[in-house]
Structure formats: C-alpha cells, structure tokens
Amino acid sequence: MTYETVARFAQTWGLIYVMALFAGVLVYALWPRNQQKFDHAARIPLEEDEL
C-alpha cells in the first residue's frame, strides 16, 4: 500500500461518510415529529426566568 492509495481511500470514504452524516442530520431536523421540540427550544431565550 502506498500513501496515494491510502489517501485516495480516505478521501473517498470520508466524503461518503460526511455526506451520509449530513443527510441523517437533515432528516432528523426536518422530521415532522421533532417540530414541537425545536419550536420549544427556539422560544427558550424569549421566556422570562423565574428566580
């Protein structure tokens, strides 16, 4: 195995891994069941703190 072979393998499969990870995060973020959770998290900074 040469350096070029290992580098090409790492670049190719690294790109595939990152694209799959991005697609998974995108699906999770846009899944309709998660909308209520994200809406609540978006309102947290606007809520008054009770001490």
Protein backbone atom coordinates (compact mmCIF):
# COMPACT_ATOMS: atom_id res chain seq x y z
CA MET A 1 0.00 0.00 0.00
CA THR A 2 1.31 3.37 -0.97
CA TYR A 3 0.49 6.72 0.51
CA GLU A 4 -1.51 7.68 -2.58
CA THR A 5 -3.71 4.58 -2.27
CA VAL A 6 -4.43 5.22 1.40
CA ALA A 7 -5.07 8.92 0.78
CA ARG A 8 -7.48 8.21 -2.08
CA PHE A 9 -9.32 5.63 0.04
CA ALA A 10 -9.60 8.03 2.98
CA GLN A 11 -10.79 10.90 0.80
CA THR A 12 -13.43 8.83 -0.98
CA TRP A 13 -14.89 7.08 2.05
CA GLY A 14 -14.51 10.16 4.22
CA LEU A 15 -16.61 12.13 1.75
CA ILE A 16 -19.25 9.39 1.66
CA TYR A 17 -19.28 9.25 5.47
CA VAL A 18 -19.69 13.03 5.84
CA MET A 19 -22.45 13.13 3.20
CA ALA A 20 -24.34 10.30 4.95
CA LEU A 21 -23.94 12.04 8.31
CA PHE A 22 -25.22 15.32 6.84
CA ALA A 23 -28.22 13.56 5.27
CA GLY A 24 -29.02 11.93 8.62
CA VAL A 25 -28.87 15.24 10.49
CA LEU A 26 -31.02 16.89 7.82
CA VAL A 27 -33.65 14.16 8.01
CA TYR A 28 -33.67 14.40 11.83
CA ALA A 29 -34.03 18.18 11.75
CA LEU A 30 -36.86 18.16 9.21
CA TRP A 31 -38.77 15.17 10.60
CA PRO A 32 -42.33 16.38 11.40
CA ARG A 33 -42.42 14.69 14.82
CA ASN A 34 -39.47 16.84 16.01
CA GLN A 35 -41.08 20.19 15.14
CA GLN A 36 -42.65 20.75 18.57
CA LYS A 37 -39.33 20.09 20.31
CA PHE A 38 -37.48 22.56 18.06
CA ASP A 39 -40.22 25.19 18.40
CA HIS A 40 -39.95 24.97 22.18
CA ALA A 41 -36.15 25.26 22.04
CA ALA A 42 -36.48 28.34 19.80
CA ARG A 43 -38.70 30.08 22.38
CA ILE A 44 -36.42 29.43 25.39
CA PRO A 45 -34.39 32.67 25.05
CA LEU A 46 -37.60 34.72 24.99
CA GLU A 47 -39.10 33.25 28.16
CA GLU A 48 -38.84 35.09 31.46
CA ASP A 49 -36.77 33.42 34.16
CA GLU A 50 -38.45 32.83 37.49
CA LEU A 51 -35.95 33.05 40.33
